[in-house]
Amino acid sequence: MKQTPSSPAYRVAMTGILSAEAVALSFLESLIPAMPFLPPGAKLGLANIVVMFTAVSFGLPSTLTVIVVKSFFTLIARGVSAFFISLCGGLLSGVVMFALSRIVLRTDDRKDAGENRARFGYIGISAASAVAHNIGQLIAASIAAGTALLSYLPFLILFGLLFGTLTGTVLGAVTPVLRRQTAVFVNKNKNNKNKMKSKVKDQ
């Protein structure tokens, strides 16, 4: 099978790599002490950098896969309730990310993150998806608690906008690195295939 950015094998492999990176960032964030001024559920969302890159570059199925894998890390680390809340927030956020990336970013912007338009697009999409993530978590927490927790909503929206802007800015800066990672993966695969073909010819 030809290994190209559009091939199923490439997408599966890159989804696995990006899932591992999202889990690693989630673990890193779990080591940061809780900030007393933040409402429950509000956090930096470092893993969303990888999730958003996946939404922009690989589409909705890969995005949802990364979110589910990341949520299973939450299940292992913090239990069923945290898993349910994380999954609900993540799925709503992922759908918003994917939808807005197709509306806000042009095709050439999705390929070239160096343009100013793409960078500002990332910030807007990240802020909106962070708010969606917090709202999804609030809905899930309300279901788990059996009561509406609307008093947290204004704070979750505020911190979602702040942290979403931060992660969107970081994504705009590191996207070229993430794209080089995917290029290295493709080139390495091509080199391995060429070596195998050479061995077969020599035999």
C-alpha atoms as a PDB file:
ATOM      1  CA  MET A   1       0.000   0.000   0.000  1.00  0.00           C
ATOM      2  CA  LYS A   2       1.292   3.416  -0.876  1.00  0.00           C
ATOM      3  CA  GLN A   3       2.017   5.397   2.260  1.00  0.00           C
ATOM      4  CA  THR A   4       0.632   8.877   1.661  1.00  0.00           C
ATOM      5  CA  PRO A   5      -1.023  11.448   3.927  1.00  0.00           C
ATOM      6  CA  SER A   6      -4.399  10.340   2.567  1.00  0.00           C
ATOM      7  CA  SER A   7      -3.892   6.597   2.983  1.00  0.00           C
ATOM      8  CA  PRO A   8      -5.779   4.737   5.750  1.00  0.00           C
ATOM      9  CA  ALA A   9      -2.543   3.223   7.098  1.00  0.00           C
ATOM     10  CA  TYR A  10      -0.990   6.662   7.445  1.00  0.00           C
ATOM     11  CA  ARG A  11      -4.031   8.050   9.246  1.00  0.00           C
ATOM     12  CA  VAL A  12      -4.198   5.090  11.647  1.00  0.00           C
ATOM     13  CA  ALA A  13      -0.494   5.341  12.459  1.00  0.00           C
ATOM     14  CA  MET A  14      -0.559   9.106  12.957  1.00  0.00           C
ATOM     15  CA  THR A  15      -3.727   8.859  15.055  1.00  0.00           C
ATOM     16  CA  GLY A  16      -1.897   6.436  17.322  1.00  0.00           C
ATOM     17  CA  ILE A  17       1.112   8.744  17.626  1.00  0.00           C
ATOM     18  CA  LEU A  18      -1.056  11.793  18.307  1.00  0.00           C
ATOM     19  CA  SER A  19      -3.099   9.846  20.882  1.00  0.00           C
ATOM     20  CA  ALA A  20       0.111   8.980  22.722  1.00  0.00           C
ATOM     21  CA  GLU A  21       1.186  12.627  22.641  1.00  0.00           C
ATOM     22  CA  ALA A  22      -2.205  13.759  23.987  1.00  0.00           C
ATOM     23  CA  VAL A  23      -1.954  11.245  26.841  1.00  0.00           C
ATOM     24  CA  ALA A  24       1.579  12.427  27.609  1.00  0.00           C
ATOM     25  CA  LEU A  25       0.418  16.052  27.786  1.00  0.00           C
ATOM     26  CA  SER A  26      -2.521  15.055  29.992  1.00  0.00           C
ATOM     27  CA  PHE A  27      -0.132  13.288  32.338  1.00  0.00           C
ATOM     28  CA  LEU A  28       2.162  16.308  32.360  1.00  0.00           C
ATOM     29  CA  GLU A  29      -0.762  18.576  33.196  1.00  0.00           C
ATOM     30  CA  SER A  30      -1.861  16.250  36.004  1.00  0.00           C
ATOM     31  CA  LEU A  31       1.469  16.946  37.712  1.00  0.00           C
ATOM     32  CA  ILE A  32       0.699  20.672  37.922  1.00  0.00           C
ATOM     33  CA  PRO A  33      -0.763  21.510  41.375  1.00  0.00           C
ATOM     34  CA  ALA A  34      -4.390  22.663  41.389  1.00  0.00           C
ATOM     35  CA  MET A  35      -4.750  26.436  41.409  1.00  0.00           C
ATOM     36  CA  PRO A  36      -7.078  27.541  44.228  1.00  0.00           C
ATOM     37  CA  PHE A  37      -8.574  30.431  42.235  1.00  0.00           C
ATOM     38  CA  LEU A  38      -9.805  28.145  39.426  1.00  0.00           C
ATOM     39  CA  PRO A  39     -13.337  26.695  39.496  1.00  0.00           C
ATOM     40  CA  PRO A  40     -13.708  22.883  39.323  1.00  0.00           C
ATOM     41  CA  GLY A  41     -13.127  21.615  35.776  1.00  0.00           C
ATOM     42  CA  ALA A  42     -11.105  24.626  34.592  1.00  0.00           C
ATOM     43  CA  LYS A  43      -7.588  23.734  33.469  1.00  0.00           C
ATOM     44  CA  LEU A  44      -4.968  24.640  30.900  1.00  0.00           C
ATOM     45  CA  GLY A  45      -5.944  21.857  28.506  1.00  0.00           C
ATOM     46  CA  LEU A  46      -2.458  21.145  27.131  1.00  0.00           C
ATOM     47  CA  ALA A  47      -3.667  18.001  25.386  1.00  0.00           C
ATOM     48  CA  ASN A  48      -6.079  20.131  23.351  1.00  0.00           C
ATOM     49  CA  ILE A  49      -3.061  21.384  21.392  1.00  0.00           C
ATOM     50  CA  VAL A  50      -2.685  17.885  19.930  1.00  0.00           C
ATOM     51  CA  VAL A  51      -6.446  17.331  19.627  1.00  0.00           C
ATOM     52  CA  MET A  52      -6.887  20.522  17.641  1.00  0.00           C
ATOM     53  CA  PHE A  53      -3.966  19.701  15.354  1.00  0.00           C
ATOM     54  CA  THR A  54      -5.659  16.347  14.709  1.00  0.00           C
ATOM     55  CA  ALA A  55      -8.997  18.049  13.954  1.00  0.00           C
ATOM     56  CA  VAL A  56      -7.393  20.444  11.496  1.00  0.00           C
ATOM     57  CA  SER A  57      -5.136  17.898   9.786  1.00  0.00           C
ATOM     58  CA  PHE A  58      -6.828  14.490   9.964  1.00  0.00           C
ATOM     59  CA  GLY A  59     -10.578  14.989  10.331  1.00  0.00           C
ATOM     60  CA  LEU A  60     -13.306  14.056  12.777  1.00  0.00           C
ATOM     61  CA  PRO A  61     -12.802  10.255  13.180  1.00  0.00           C
ATOM     62  CA  SER A  62      -9.142  10.678  14.138  1.00  0.00           C
ATOM     63  CA  THR A  63     -10.046  13.565  16.450  1.00  0.00           C
ATOM     64  CA  LEU A  64     -12.677  11.549  18.309  1.00  0.00           C
ATOM     65  CA  THR A  65     -10.254   8.622  18.589  1.00  0.00           C
ATOM     66  CA  VAL A  66      -7.596  10.810  20.220  1.00  0.00           C
ATOM     67  CA  ILE A  67     -10.219  12.207  22.617  1.00  0.00           C
ATOM     68  CA  VAL A  68     -11.450   8.743  23.635  1.00  0.00           C
ATOM     69  CA  VAL A  69      -7.899   7.459  24.201  1.00  0.00           C
ATOM     70  CA  LYS A  70      -7.081  10.559  26.266  1.00  0.00           C
ATOM     71  CA  SER A  71     -10.265  10.039  28.305  1.00  0.00           C
ATOM     72  CA  PHE A  72      -9.287   6.449  29.054  1.00  0.00           C
ATOM     73  CA  PHE A  73      -6.117   7.812  30.631  1.00  0.00           C
ATOM     74  CA  THR A  74      -8.412   9.870  32.875  1.00  0.00           C
ATOM     75  CA  LEU A  75     -10.336   6.678  33.693  1.00  0.00           C
ATOM     76  CA  ILE A  76      -7.143   4.953  34.811  1.00  0.00           C
ATOM     77  CA  ALA A  77      -5.802   7.941  36.721  1.00  0.00           C
ATOM     78  CA  ARG A  78      -8.957   9.416  38.303  1.00  0.00           C
ATOM     79  CA  GLY A  79     -11.850   6.962  38.046  1.00  0.00           C
ATOM     80  CA  VAL A  80     -15.187   6.539  36.282  1.00  0.00           C
ATOM     81  CA  SER A  81     -16.783   9.877  37.154  1.00  0.00           C
ATOM     82  CA  ALA A  82     -13.780  11.855  35.930  1.00  0.00           C
ATOM     83  CA  PHE A  83     -13.737   9.710  32.779  1.00  0.00           C
ATOM     84  CA  PHE A  84     -17.397  10.455  32.042  1.00  0.00           C
ATOM     85  CA  ILE A  85     -16.931  14.188  32.583  1.00  0.00           C
ATOM     86  CA  SER A  86     -13.722  14.273  30.527  1.00  0.00           C
ATOM     87  CA  LEU A  87     -15.270  12.275  27.685  1.00  0.00           C
ATOM     88  CA  CYS A  88     -18.389  14.458  27.436  1.00  0.00           C
ATOM     89  CA  GLY A  89     -16.362  17.660  27.440  1.00  0.00           C
ATOM     90  CA  GLY A  90     -13.844  16.263  24.993  1.00  0.00           C
ATOM     91  CA  LEU A  91     -16.401  14.981  22.480  1.00  0.00           C
ATOM     92  CA  LEU A  92     -18.323  18.271  22.405  1.00  0.00           C
ATOM     93  CA  SER A  93     -15.072  20.198  22.101  1.00  0.00           C
ATOM     94  CA  GLY A  94     -13.804  17.924  19.317  1.00  0.00           C
ATOM     95  CA  VAL A  95     -16.951  18.356  17.228  1.00  0.00           C
ATOM     96  CA  VAL A  96     -16.737  22.147  17.634  1.00  0.00           C
ATOM     97  CA  MET A  97     -13.031  22.092  16.693  1.00  0.00           C
ATOM     98  CA  PHE A  98     -13.656  20.089  13.544  1.00  0.00           C
ATOM     99  CA  ALA A  99     -16.683  22.114  12.439  1.00  0.00           C
ATOM    100  CA  LEU A 100     -15.012  25.493  12.986  1.00  0.00           C
ATOM    101  CA  SER A 101     -11.763  24.396  11.345  1.00  0.00           C
ATOM    102  CA  ARG A 102     -13.728  23.688   8.154  1.00  0.00           C
ATOM    103  CA  ILE A 103     -15.530  27.022   8.372  1.00  0.00           C
ATOM    104  CA  VAL A 104     -12.789  29.371   9.571  1.00  0.00           C
ATOM    105  CA  LEU A 105      -9.706  27.905   7.907  1.00  0.00           C
ATOM    106  CA  ARG A 106      -9.280  27.589   4.175  1.00  0.00           C
ATOM    107  CA  THR A 107      -7.746  24.396   2.749  1.00  0.00           C
ATOM    108  CA  ASP A 108      -4.401  26.070   2.134  1.00  0.00           C
ATOM    109  CA  ASP A 109      -4.438  27.445   5.696  1.00  0.00           C
ATOM    110  CA  ARG A 110      -4.852  23.934   7.053  1.00  0.00           C
ATOM    111  CA  LYS A 111      -1.738  22.916   5.128  1.00  0.00           C
ATOM    112  CA  ASP A 112       0.338  25.960   6.040  1.00  0.00           C
ATOM    113  CA  ALA A 113       0.139  27.031   9.678  1.00  0.00           C
ATOM    114  CA  GLY A 114       2.651  29.809   9.134  1.00  0.00           C
ATOM    115  CA  GLU A 115       0.131  32.252   7.665  1.00  0.00           C
ATOM    116  CA  ASN A 116      -1.287  34.895   9.994  1.00  0.00           C
ATOM    117  CA  ARG A 117      -4.832  33.973   8.993  1.00  0.00           C
ATOM    118  CA  ALA A 118      -4.304  30.394  10.154  1.00  0.00           C
ATOM    119  CA  ARG A 119      -2.711  31.528  13.399  1.00  0.00           C
ATOM    120  CA  PHE A 120      -5.626  33.813  14.294  1.00  0.00           C
ATOM    121  CA  GLY A 121      -8.014  31.085  13.176  1.00  0.00           C
ATOM    122  CA  TYR A 122      -6.391  28.648  15.592  1.00  0.00           C
ATOM    123  CA  ILE A 123      -6.842  31.078  18.479  1.00  0.00           C
ATOM    124  CA  GLY A 124     -10.539  31.579  17.741  1.00  0.00           C
ATOM    125  CA  ILE A 125     -11.227  27.886  17.234  1.00  0.00           C
ATOM    126  CA  SER A 126      -9.282  26.961  20.353  1.00  0.00           C
ATOM    127  CA  ALA A 127     -11.129  29.509  22.506  1.00  0.00           C
ATOM    128  CA  ALA A 128     -14.544  28.355  21.229  1.00  0.00           C
ATOM    129  CA  SER A 129     -13.714  24.670  21.662  1.00  0.00           C
ATOM    130  CA  ALA A 130     -12.336  25.288  25.177  1.00  0.00           C
ATOM    131  CA  VAL A 131     -15.625  26.918  26.156  1.00  0.00           C
ATOM    132  CA  ALA A 132     -17.491  23.976  24.584  1.00  0.00           C
ATOM    133  CA  HIS A 133     -15.269  21.573  26.544  1.00  0.00           C
ATOM    134  CA  ASN A 134     -16.073  23.294  29.833  1.00  0.00           C
ATOM    135  CA  ILE A 135     -19.796  23.394  29.029  1.00  0.00           C
ATOM    136  CA  GLY A 136     -19.731  19.682  28.155  1.00  0.00           C
ATOM    137  CA  GLN A 137     -17.980  18.927  31.424  1.00  0.00           C
ATOM    138  CA  LEU A 138     -20.497  21.036  33.352  1.00  0.00           C
ATOM    139  CA  ILE A 139     -23.423  19.175  31.765  1.00  0.00           C
ATOM    140  CA  ALA A 140     -21.798  15.823  32.586  1.00  0.00           C
ATOM    141  CA  ALA A 141     -21.017  16.919  36.154  1.00  0.00           C
ATOM    142  CA  SER A 142     -24.621  18.089  36.595  1.00  0.00           C
ATOM    143  CA  ILE A 143     -25.877  14.681  35.418  1.00  0.00           C
ATOM    144  CA  ALA A 144     -23.462  12.889  37.762  1.00  0.00           C
ATOM    145  CA  ALA A 145     -24.386  15.126  40.712  1.00  0.00           C
ATOM    146  CA  GLY A 146     -28.111  15.040  39.970  1.00  0.00           C
ATOM    147  CA  THR A 147     -28.380  18.819  40.157  1.00  0.00           C
ATOM    148  CA  ALA A 148     -27.661  21.776  37.886  1.00  0.00           C
ATOM    149  CA  LEU A 149     -24.342  23.478  38.565  1.00  0.00           C
ATOM    150  CA  LEU A 150     -25.090  26.672  36.683  1.00  0.00           C
ATOM    151  CA  SER A 151     -23.264  28.889  39.159  1.00  0.00           C
ATOM    152  CA  TYR A 152     -19.965  27.657  37.693  1.00  0.00           C
ATOM    153  CA  LEU A 153     -20.934  28.471  34.111  1.00  0.00           C
ATOM    154  CA  PRO A 154     -19.727  32.117  33.914  1.00  0.00           C
ATOM    155  CA  PHE A 155     -16.357  31.190  35.416  1.00  0.00           C
ATOM    156  CA  LEU A 156     -15.932  28.175  33.108  1.00  0.00           C
ATOM    157  CA  ILE A 157     -16.713  30.338  30.077  1.00  0.00           C
ATOM    158  CA  LEU A 158     -14.230  32.990  31.203  1.00  0.00           C
ATOM    159  CA  PHE A 159     -11.387  30.570  31.892  1.00  0.00           C
ATOM    160  CA  GLY A 160     -12.237  28.591  28.748  1.00  0.00           C
ATOM    161  CA  LEU A 161     -11.722  31.743  26.686  1.00  0.00           C
ATOM    162  CA  LEU A 162      -8.465  32.559  28.477  1.00  0.00           C
ATOM    163  CA  PHE A 163      -6.914  29.093  28.345  1.00  0.00           C
ATOM    164  CA  GLY A 164      -8.290  28.431  24.856  1.00  0.00           C
ATOM    165  CA  THR A 165      -6.584  31.568  23.600  1.00  0.00           C
ATOM    166  CA  LEU A 166      -3.344  30.401  25.214  1.00  0.00           C
ATOM    167  CA  THR A 167      -3.441  26.893  23.732  1.00  0.00           C
ATOM    168  CA  GLY A 168      -4.450  28.267  20.321  1.00  0.00           C
ATOM    169  CA  THR A 169      -1.433  30.582  20.380  1.00  0.00           C
ATOM    170  CA  VAL A 170       0.836  27.688  21.315  1.00  0.00           C
ATOM    171  CA  LEU A 171      -0.653  25.533  18.550  1.00  0.00           C
ATOM    172  CA  GLY A 172       0.051  28.235  15.969  1.00  0.00           C
ATOM    173  CA  ALA A 173       3.683  28.226  17.097  1.00  0.00           C
ATOM    174  CA  VAL A 174       4.236  24.454  17.249  1.00  0.00           C
ATOM    175  CA  THR A 175       2.170  23.333  14.244  1.00  0.00           C
ATOM    176  CA  PRO A 176       5.194  23.506  11.884  1.00  0.00           C
ATOM    177  CA  VAL A 177       6.977  21.083  14.253  1.00  0.00           C
ATOM    178  CA  LEU A 178       3.977  18.754  14.329  1.00  0.00           C
ATOM    179  CA  ARG A 179       3.770  18.850  10.526  1.00  0.00           C
ATOM    180  CA  ARG A 180       7.477  17.990  10.257  1.00  0.00           C
ATOM    181  CA  GLN A 181       6.771  15.043  12.519  1.00  0.00           C
ATOM    182  CA  THR A 182       4.192  13.711  10.061  1.00  0.00           C
ATOM    183  CA  ALA A 183       6.570  14.323   7.139  1.00  0.00           C
ATOM    184  CA  VAL A 184       9.360  12.427   8.915  1.00  0.00           C
ATOM    185  CA  PHE A 185       6.990   9.519   9.487  1.00  0.00           C
ATOM    186  CA  VAL A 186       6.078   9.356   5.793  1.00  0.00           C
ATOM    187  CA  ASN A 187       9.693   9.668   4.618  1.00  0.00           C
ATOM    188  CA  LYS A 188      10.876   7.006   7.061  1.00  0.00           C
ATOM    189  CA  ASN A 189       8.186   4.654   5.803  1.00  0.00           C
ATOM    190  CA  LYS A 190       9.187   5.296   2.194  1.00  0.00           C
ATOM    191  CA  ASN A 191      12.853   4.671   2.987  1.00  0.00           C
ATOM    192  CA  ASN A 192      12.019   1.389   4.729  1.00  0.00           C
ATOM    193  CA  LYS A 193       9.949   0.288   1.722  1.00  0.00           C
ATOM    194  CA  ASN A 194      12.743   1.181  -0.675  1.00  0.00           C
ATOM    195  CA  LYS A 195      15.214  -0.835   1.395  1.00  0.00           C
ATOM    196  CA  MET A 196      12.872  -3.817   1.365  1.00  0.00           C
ATOM    197  CA  LYS A 197      12.442  -3.548  -2.391  1.00  0.00           C
ATOM    198  CA  SER A 198      16.223  -3.410  -2.844  1.00  0.00           C
ATOM    199  CA  LYS A 199      16.690  -6.532  -0.730  1.00  0.00           C
ATOM    200  CA  VAL A 200      14.058  -8.383  -2.741  1.00  0.00           C
ATOM    201  CA  LYS A 201      15.768  -7.401  -6.018  1.00  0.00           C
ATOM    202  CA  ASP A 202      19.155  -8.548  -4.711  1.00  0.00           C
ATOM    203  CA  GLN A 203      17.855 -11.974  -3.791  1.00  0.00           C
END
